[in-house]
Amino acid sequence: MDINPNKIWEEFENKRIGKLTAVDLLSRLIENSNKSEIRLEAITTLVKLIPYDNKLYSILENLMVSDESKNIRVLLQDSYIKIE
């Protein structure tokens, strides 16, 4: 199975996978993908799935500091300002 954020969302929406599995898969994509487009899409999907809680906050905060893509860091900084 080709795993991408859209496929994960589709599987979740069709109740083929649960929320925890979807969050785990998206987190792995964010952590392991070399493609900033995939990471960005995974972040956007992850935010749709779970409210801003400690786990999501930690993931986004870590990415904001360490992601190699300037676009992702800027997006996360904007999101961070909105939730503060």
PDB file of N, CA and C in Angstrom:
ATOM      1  N   MET A   1       0.836  -1.174   0.000  1.00  0.00           N
ATOM      2  CA  MET A   1       0.000   0.000   0.000  1.00  0.00           C
ATOM      3  C   MET A   1       0.883   1.242   0.000  1.00  0.00           C
ATOM      4  N   ASP A   2       0.621   2.135  -0.926  1.00  0.00           N
ATOM      5  CA  ASP A   2       1.322   3.407  -0.980  1.00  0.00           C
ATOM      6  C   ASP A   2       0.714   4.321   0.072  1.00  0.00           C
ATOM      7  N   ILE A   3       1.479   4.612   1.111  1.00  0.00           N
ATOM      8  CA  ILE A   3       0.949   5.422   2.200  1.00  0.00           C
ATOM      9  C   ILE A   3       1.224   6.891   1.926  1.00  0.00           C
ATOM     10  N   ASN A   4       0.156   7.672   1.917  1.00  0.00           N
ATOM     11  CA  ASN A   4       0.264   9.119   1.789  1.00  0.00           C
ATOM     12  C   ASN A   4      -0.864   9.722   2.623  1.00  0.00           C
ATOM     13  N   PRO A   5      -0.769  11.001   2.951  1.00  0.00           N
ATOM     14  CA  PRO A   5      -1.786  11.607   3.815  1.00  0.00           C
ATOM     15  C   PRO A   5      -3.214  11.479   3.294  1.00  0.00           C
ATOM     16  N   ASN A   6      -3.399  11.621   1.989  1.00  0.00           N
ATOM     17  CA  ASN A   6      -4.750  11.486   1.428  1.00  0.00           C
ATOM     18  C   ASN A   6      -5.300  10.077   1.623  1.00  0.00           C
ATOM     19  N   LYS A   7      -4.461   9.088   1.409  1.00  0.00           N
ATOM     20  CA  LYS A   7      -4.876   7.687   1.580  1.00  0.00           C
ATOM     21  C   LYS A   7      -5.209   7.409   3.045  1.00  0.00           C
ATOM     22  N   ILE A   8      -4.400   7.940   3.950  1.00  0.00           N
ATOM     23  CA  ILE A   8      -4.658   7.748   5.378  1.00  0.00           C
ATOM     24  C   ILE A   8      -5.996   8.381   5.749  1.00  0.00           C
ATOM     25  N   TRP A   9      -6.236   9.602   5.264  1.00  0.00           N
ATOM     26  CA  TRP A   9      -7.508  10.282   5.547  1.00  0.00           C
ATOM     27  C   TRP A   9      -8.689   9.483   4.990  1.00  0.00           C
ATOM     28  N   GLU A  10      -8.534   8.999   3.767  1.00  0.00           N
ATOM     29  CA  GLU A  10      -9.586   8.202   3.136  1.00  0.00           C
ATOM     30  C   GLU A  10      -9.879   6.939   3.947  1.00  0.00           C
ATOM     31  N   GLU A  11      -8.829   6.255   4.370  1.00  0.00           N
ATOM     32  CA  GLU A  11      -9.000   5.042   5.171  1.00  0.00           C
ATOM     33  C   GLU A  11      -9.695   5.362   6.500  1.00  0.00           C
ATOM     34  N   PHE A  12      -9.343   6.475   7.104  1.00  0.00           N
ATOM     35  CA  PHE A  12      -9.980   6.897   8.350  1.00  0.00           C
ATOM     36  C   PHE A  12     -11.448   7.252   8.125  1.00  0.00           C
ATOM     37  N   GLU A  13     -11.723   8.033   7.100  1.00  0.00           N
ATOM     38  CA  GLU A  13     -13.096   8.443   6.797  1.00  0.00           C
ATOM     39  C   GLU A  13     -13.995   7.246   6.492  1.00  0.00           C
ATOM     40  N   ASN A  14     -13.426   6.229   5.854  1.00  0.00           N
ATOM     41  CA  ASN A  14     -14.190   5.023   5.524  1.00  0.00           C
ATOM     42  C   ASN A  14     -14.171   3.984   6.643  1.00  0.00           C
ATOM     43  N   LYS A  15     -13.623   4.399   7.787  1.00  0.00           N
ATOM     44  CA  LYS A  15     -13.590   3.564   8.994  1.00  0.00           C
ATOM     45  C   LYS A  15     -12.821   2.254   8.816  1.00  0.00           C
ATOM     46  N   ARG A  16     -11.840   2.286   7.932  1.00  0.00           N
ATOM     47  CA  ARG A  16     -10.974   1.107   7.760  1.00  0.00           C
ATOM     48  C   ARG A  16      -9.819   1.123   8.759  1.00  0.00           C
ATOM     49  N   ILE A  17      -9.488   2.326   9.236  1.00  0.00           N
ATOM     50  CA  ILE A  17      -8.497   2.465  10.303  1.00  0.00           C
ATOM     51  C   ILE A  17      -9.072   3.416  11.343  1.00  0.00           C
ATOM     52  N   GLY A  18      -8.599   3.256  12.565  1.00  0.00           N
ATOM     53  CA  GLY A  18      -9.055   4.115  13.647  1.00  0.00           C
ATOM     54  C   GLY A  18      -8.237   5.396  13.731  1.00  0.00           C
ATOM     55  N   LYS A  19      -8.680   6.277  14.601  1.00  0.00           N
ATOM     56  CA  LYS A  19      -8.028   7.562  14.777  1.00  0.00           C
ATOM     57  C   LYS A  19      -6.583   7.411  15.251  1.00  0.00           C
ATOM     58  N   LEU A  20      -6.350   6.527  16.222  1.00  0.00           N
ATOM     59  CA  LEU A  20      -4.987   6.340  16.734  1.00  0.00           C
ATOM     60  C   LEU A  20      -4.042   5.833  15.659  1.00  0.00           C
ATOM     61  N   THR A  21      -4.527   4.917  14.831  1.00  0.00           N
ATOM     62  CA  THR A  21      -3.706   4.404  13.730  1.00  0.00           C
ATOM     63  C   THR A  21      -3.411   5.511  12.727  1.00  0.00           C
ATOM     64  N   ALA A  22      -4.419   6.296  12.405  1.00  0.00           N
ATOM     65  CA  ALA A  22      -4.227   7.400  11.463  1.00  0.00           C
ATOM     66  C   ALA A  22      -3.210   8.403  12.003  1.00  0.00           C
ATOM     67  N   VAL A  23      -3.331   8.755  13.277  1.00  0.00           N
ATOM     68  CA  VAL A  23      -2.388   9.695  13.892  1.00  0.00           C
ATOM     69  C   VAL A  23      -0.979   9.124  13.863  1.00  0.00           C
ATOM     70  N   ASP A  24      -0.855   7.847  14.177  1.00  0.00           N
ATOM     71  CA  ASP A  24       0.459   7.198  14.166  1.00  0.00           C
ATOM     72  C   ASP A  24       1.071   7.203  12.767  1.00  0.00           C
ATOM     73  N   LEU A  25       0.287   6.841  11.761  1.00  0.00           N
ATOM     74  CA  LEU A  25       0.785   6.819  10.381  1.00  0.00           C
ATOM     75  C   LEU A  25       1.187   8.219   9.903  1.00  0.00           C
ATOM     76  N   LEU A  26       0.369   9.206  10.218  1.00  0.00           N
ATOM     77  CA  LEU A  26       0.704  10.579   9.815  1.00  0.00           C
ATOM     78  C   LEU A  26       1.958  11.070  10.527  1.00  0.00           C
ATOM     79  N   SER A  27       2.081  10.742  11.801  1.00  0.00           N
ATOM     80  CA  SER A  27       3.282  11.132  12.552  1.00  0.00           C
ATOM     81  C   SER A  27       4.532  10.505  11.953  1.00  0.00           C
ATOM     82  N   ARG A  28       4.419   9.258  11.544  1.00  0.00           N
ATOM     83  CA  ARG A  28       5.567   8.580  10.914  1.00  0.00           C
ATOM     84  C   ARG A  28       5.931   9.227   9.586  1.00  0.00           C
ATOM     85  N   LEU A  29       4.911   9.601   8.809  1.00  0.00           N
ATOM     86  CA  LEU A  29       5.192  10.298   7.547  1.00  0.00           C
ATOM     87  C   LEU A  29       5.909  11.617   7.804  1.00  0.00           C
ATOM     88  N   ILE A  30       5.444  12.352   8.799  1.00  0.00           N
ATOM     89  CA  ILE A  30       6.053  13.636   9.126  1.00  0.00           C
ATOM     90  C   ILE A  30       7.509  13.437   9.528  1.00  0.00           C
ATOM     91  N   GLU A  31       7.763  12.438  10.330  1.00  0.00           N
ATOM     92  CA  GLU A  31       9.111  12.194  10.838  1.00  0.00           C
ATOM     93  C   GLU A  31      10.049  11.601   9.789  1.00  0.00           C
ATOM     94  N   ASN A  32       9.516  10.814   8.853  1.00  0.00           N
ATOM     95  CA  ASN A  32      10.385  10.033   7.975  1.00  0.00           C
ATOM     96  C   ASN A  32      10.423  10.447   6.511  1.00  0.00           C
ATOM     97  N   SER A  33       9.473  11.254   6.073  1.00  0.00           N
ATOM     98  CA  SER A  33       9.446  11.607   4.658  1.00  0.00           C
ATOM     99  C   SER A  33      10.510  12.645   4.324  1.00  0.00           C
ATOM    100  N   ASN A  34      11.149  12.449   3.193  1.00  0.00           N
ATOM    101  CA  ASN A  34      12.137  13.418   2.706  1.00  0.00           C
ATOM    102  C   ASN A  34      11.483  14.516   1.877  1.00  0.00           C
ATOM    103  N   LYS A  35      10.208  14.351   1.583  1.00  0.00           N
ATOM    104  CA  LYS A  35       9.507  15.302   0.723  1.00  0.00           C
ATOM    105  C   LYS A  35       8.715  16.283   1.578  1.00  0.00           C
ATOM    106  N   SER A  36       9.041  17.554   1.460  1.00  0.00           N
ATOM    107  CA  SER A  36       8.354  18.562   2.279  1.00  0.00           C
ATOM    108  C   SER A  36       6.865  18.639   1.954  1.00  0.00           C
ATOM    109  N   GLU A  37       6.488  18.354   0.694  1.00  0.00           N
ATOM    110  CA  GLU A  37       5.064  18.391   0.329  1.00  0.00           C
ATOM    111  C   GLU A  37       4.280  17.337   1.107  1.00  0.00           C
ATOM    112  N   ILE A  38       4.870  16.159   1.245  1.00  0.00           N
ATOM    113  CA  ILE A  38       4.223  15.066   1.977  1.00  0.00           C
ATOM    114  C   ILE A  38       4.117  15.434   3.450  1.00  0.00           C
ATOM    115  N   ARG A  39       5.201  15.968   4.023  1.00  0.00           N
ATOM    116  CA  ARG A  39       5.179  16.354   5.433  1.00  0.00           C
ATOM    117  C   ARG A  39       4.133  17.444   5.682  1.00  0.00           C
ATOM    118  N   LEU A  40       4.065  18.421   4.789  1.00  0.00           N
ATOM    119  CA  LEU A  40       3.103  19.506   4.923  1.00  0.00           C
ATOM    120  C   LEU A  40       1.666  18.987   4.868  1.00  0.00           C
ATOM    121  N   GLU A  41       1.410  18.109   3.919  1.00  0.00           N
ATOM    122  CA  GLU A  41       0.082  17.517   3.787  1.00  0.00           C
ATOM    123  C   GLU A  41      -0.255  16.658   5.013  1.00  0.00           C
ATOM    124  N   ALA A  42       0.742  15.939   5.520  1.00  0.00           N
ATOM    125  CA  ALA A  42       0.526  15.102   6.711  1.00  0.00           C
ATOM    126  C   ALA A  42       0.237  15.969   7.930  1.00  0.00           C
ATOM    127  N   ILE A  43       0.918  17.090   8.060  1.00  0.00           N
ATOM    128  CA  ILE A  43       0.669  18.003   9.181  1.00  0.00           C
ATOM    129  C   ILE A  43      -0.755  18.535   9.105  1.00  0.00           C
ATOM    130  N   THR A  44      -1.156  18.975   7.926  1.00  0.00           N
ATOM    131  CA  THR A  44      -2.503  19.510   7.738  1.00  0.00           C
ATOM    132  C   THR A  44      -3.565  18.466   8.071  1.00  0.00           C
ATOM    133  N   THR A  45      -3.342  17.238   7.651  1.00  0.00           N
ATOM    134  CA  THR A  45      -4.281  16.147   7.929  1.00  0.00           C
ATOM    135  C   THR A  45      -4.291  15.812   9.412  1.00  0.00           C
ATOM    136  N   LEU A  46      -3.133  15.803  10.025  1.00  0.00           N
ATOM    137  CA  LEU A  46      -3.034  15.508  11.455  1.00  0.00           C
ATOM    138  C   LEU A  46      -3.811  16.530  12.275  1.00  0.00           C
ATOM    139  N   VAL A  47      -3.710  17.785  11.915  1.00  0.00           N
ATOM    140  CA  VAL A  47      -4.431  18.836  12.636  1.00  0.00           C
ATOM    141  C   VAL A  47      -5.945  18.661  12.481  1.00  0.00           C
ATOM    142  N   LYS A  48      -6.394  18.147  11.333  1.00  0.00           N
ATOM    143  CA  LYS A  48      -7.822  17.876  11.145  1.00  0.00           C
ATOM    144  C   LYS A  48      -8.298  16.730  12.040  1.00  0.00           C
ATOM    145  N   LEU A  49      -7.404  15.790  12.315  1.00  0.00           N
ATOM    146  CA  LEU A  49      -7.776  14.585  13.062  1.00  0.00           C
ATOM    147  C   LEU A  49      -7.859  14.792  14.564  1.00  0.00           C
ATOM    148  N   ILE A  50      -6.934  15.536  15.102  1.00  0.00           N
ATOM    149  CA  ILE A  50      -6.907  15.652  16.561  1.00  0.00           C
ATOM    150  C   ILE A  50      -6.865  17.113  16.979  1.00  0.00           C
ATOM    151  N   PRO A  51      -7.496  17.394  18.102  1.00  0.00           N
ATOM    152  CA  PRO A  51      -7.447  18.768  18.614  1.00  0.00           C
ATOM    153  C   PRO A  51      -6.047  19.077  19.140  1.00  0.00           C
ATOM    154  N   TYR A  52      -5.813  20.334  19.390  1.00  0.00           N
ATOM    155  CA  TYR A  52      -4.512  20.721  19.929  1.00  0.00           C
ATOM    156  C   TYR A  52      -4.390  20.222  21.358  1.00  0.00           C
ATOM    157  N   ASP A  53      -3.738  19.089  21.509  1.00  0.00           N
ATOM    158  CA  ASP A  53      -3.457  18.560  22.828  1.00  0.00           C
ATOM    159  C   ASP A  53      -1.943  18.494  22.994  1.00  0.00           C
ATOM    160  N   ASN A  54      -1.493  17.932  24.088  1.00  0.00           N
ATOM    161  CA  ASN A  54      -0.053  17.906  24.360  1.00  0.00           C
ATOM    162  C   ASN A  54       0.735  17.137  23.314  1.00  0.00           C
ATOM    163  N   LYS A  55       0.179  16.028  22.824  1.00  0.00           N
ATOM    164  CA  LYS A  55       0.896  15.228  21.827  1.00  0.00           C
ATOM    165  C   LYS A  55       1.060  16.005  20.525  1.00  0.00           C
ATOM    166  N   LEU A  56      -0.016  16.578  20.041  1.00  0.00           N
ATOM    167  CA  LEU A  56       0.054  17.345  18.804  1.00  0.00           C
ATOM    168  C   LEU A  56       0.936  18.568  18.985  1.00  0.00           C
ATOM    169  N   TYR A  57       0.789  19.232  20.113  1.00  0.00           N
ATOM    170  CA  TYR A  57       1.597  20.411  20.396  1.00  0.00           C
ATOM    171  C   TYR A  57       3.087  20.063  20.347  1.00  0.00           C
ATOM    172  N   SER A  58       3.471  18.949  20.942  1.00  0.00           N
ATOM    173  CA  SER A  58       4.884  18.524  20.947  1.00  0.00           C
ATOM    174  C   SER A  58       5.386  18.236  19.545  1.00  0.00           C
ATOM    175  N   ILE A  59       4.562  17.553  18.749  1.00  0.00           N
ATOM    176  CA  ILE A  59       4.955  17.236  17.374  1.00  0.00           C
ATOM    177  C   ILE A  59       5.170  18.513  16.581  1.00  0.00           C
ATOM    178  N   LEU A  60       4.217  19.429  16.661  1.00  0.00           N
ATOM    179  CA  LEU A  60       4.304  20.666  15.890  1.00  0.00           C
ATOM    180  C   LEU A  60       5.439  21.554  16.377  1.00  0.00           C
ATOM    181  N   GLU A  61       5.635  21.616  17.680  1.00  0.00           N
ATOM    182  CA  GLU A  61       6.715  22.429  18.229  1.00  0.00           C
ATOM    183  C   GLU A  61       8.082  21.910  17.774  1.00  0.00           C
ATOM    184  N   ASN A  62       8.249  20.592  17.804  1.00  0.00           N
ATOM    185  CA  ASN A  62       9.514  19.996  17.364  1.00  0.00           C
ATOM    186  C   ASN A  62       9.775  20.290  15.885  1.00  0.00           C
ATOM    187  N   LEU A  63       8.748  20.161  15.072  1.00  0.00           N
ATOM    188  CA  LEU A  63       8.895  20.446  13.648  1.00  0.00           C
ATOM    189  C   LEU A  63       9.194  21.920  13.385  1.00  0.00           C
ATOM    190  N   MET A  64       8.576  22.784  14.167  1.00  0.00           N
ATOM    191  CA  MET A  64       8.773  24.212  13.978  1.00  0.00           C
ATOM    192  C   MET A  64      10.246  24.584  14.182  1.00  0.00           C
ATOM    193  N   VAL A  65      10.896  23.884  15.078  1.00  0.00           N
ATOM    194  CA  VAL A  65      12.292  24.165  15.377  1.00  0.00           C
ATOM    195  C   VAL A  65      13.231  23.439  14.418  1.00  0.00           C
ATOM    196  N   SER A  66      12.874  22.229  14.026  1.00  0.00           N
ATOM    197  CA  SER A  66      13.869  21.388  13.364  1.00  0.00           C
ATOM    198  C   SER A  66      13.611  21.034  11.903  1.00  0.00           C
ATOM    199  N   ASP A  67      12.436  21.320  11.359  1.00  0.00           N
ATOM    200  CA  ASP A  67      12.178  20.894   9.986  1.00  0.00           C
ATOM    201  C   ASP A  67      13.073  21.636   9.010  1.00  0.00           C
ATOM    202  N   GLU A  68      13.558  20.932   8.008  1.00  0.00           N
ATOM    203  CA  GLU A  68      14.465  21.526   7.025  1.00  0.00           C
ATOM    204  C   GLU A  68      13.754  22.455   6.044  1.00  0.00           C
ATOM    205  N   SER A  69      12.448  22.313   5.922  1.00  0.00           N
ATOM    206  CA  SER A  69      11.685  23.122   4.978  1.00  0.00           C
ATOM    207  C   SER A  69      11.229  24.430   5.628  1.00  0.00           C
ATOM    208  N   LYS A  70      11.649  25.526   5.025  1.00  0.00           N
ATOM    209  CA  LYS A  70      11.256  26.839   5.533  1.00  0.00           C
ATOM    210  C   LYS A  70       9.736  27.003   5.466  1.00  0.00           C
ATOM    211  N   ASN A  71       9.109  26.502   4.409  1.00  0.00           N
ATOM    212  CA  ASN A  71       7.656  26.617   4.267  1.00  0.00           C
ATOM    213  C   ASN A  71       6.924  25.944   5.423  1.00  0.00           C
ATOM    214  N   ILE A  72       7.418  24.796   5.820  1.00  0.00           N
ATOM    215  CA  ILE A  72       6.785  24.083   6.925  1.00  0.00           C
ATOM    216  C   ILE A  72       7.002  24.837   8.232  1.00  0.00           C
ATOM    217  N   ARG A  73       8.212  25.341   8.455  1.00  0.00           N
ATOM    218  CA  ARG A  73       8.477  26.092   9.685  1.00  0.00           C
ATOM    219  C   ARG A  73       7.596  27.336   9.772  1.00  0.00           C
ATOM    220  N   VAL A  74       7.429  28.039   8.645  1.00  0.00           N
ATOM    221  CA  VAL A  74       6.590  29.242   8.632  1.00  0.00           C
ATOM    222  C   VAL A  74       5.128  28.870   8.909  1.00  0.00           C
ATOM    223  N   LEU A  75       4.626  27.831   8.252  1.00  0.00           N
ATOM    224  CA  LEU A  75       3.258  27.376   8.488  1.00  0.00           C
ATOM    225  C   LEU A  75       3.050  27.037   9.955  1.00  0.00           C
ATOM    226  N   LEU A  76       3.998  26.338  10.541  1.00  0.00           N
ATOM    227  CA  LEU A  76       3.879  25.941  11.932  1.00  0.00           C
ATOM    228  C   LEU A  76       3.958  27.140  12.868  1.00  0.00           C
ATOM    229  N   GLN A  77       4.781  28.109  12.537  1.00  0.00           N
ATOM    230  CA  GLN A  77       4.849  29.321  13.356  1.00  0.00           C
ATOM    231  C   GLN A  77       3.521  30.058  13.310  1.00  0.00           C
ATOM    232  N   ASP A  78       2.917  30.137  12.150  1.00  0.00           N
ATOM    233  CA  ASP A  78       1.599  30.772  12.028  1.00  0.00           C
ATOM    234  C   ASP A  78       0.557  30.015  12.850  1.00  0.00           C
ATOM    235  N   SER A  79       0.592  28.694  12.790  1.00  0.00           N
ATOM    236  CA  SER A  79      -0.345  27.873  13.562  1.00  0.00           C
ATOM    237  C   SER A  79      -0.103  28.051  15.062  1.00  0.00           C
ATOM    238  N   TYR A  80       1.141  28.120  15.442  1.00  0.00           N
ATOM    239  CA  TYR A  80       1.503  28.272  16.846  1.00  0.00           C
ATOM    240  C   TYR A  80       0.941  29.582  17.395  1.00  0.00           C
ATOM    241  N   ILE A  81       1.055  30.641  16.629  1.00  0.00           N
ATOM    242  CA  ILE A  81       0.531  31.939  17.048  1.00  0.00           C
ATOM    243  C   ILE A  81      -0.979  31.864  17.253  1.00  0.00           C
ATOM    244  N   LYS A  82      -1.667  31.142  16.385  1.00  0.00           N
ATOM    245  CA  LYS A  82      -3.133  31.033  16.473  1.00  0.00           C
ATOM    246  C   LYS A  82      -3.584  30.268  17.716  1.00  0.00           C
ATOM    247  N   ILE A  83      -2.783  29.286  18.167  1.00  0.00           N
ATOM    248  CA  ILE A  83      -3.219  28.496  19.323  1.00  0.00           C
ATOM    249  C   ILE A  83      -2.734  29.057  20.644  1.00  0.00           C
ATOM    250  N   GLU A  84      -1.854  30.000  20.623  1.00  0.00           N
ATOM    251  CA  GLU A  84      -1.352  30.603  21.857  1.00  0.00           C
ATOM    252  C   GLU A  84      -2.408  31.410  22.551  1.00  0.00           C
TER     253      GLU A  84
END
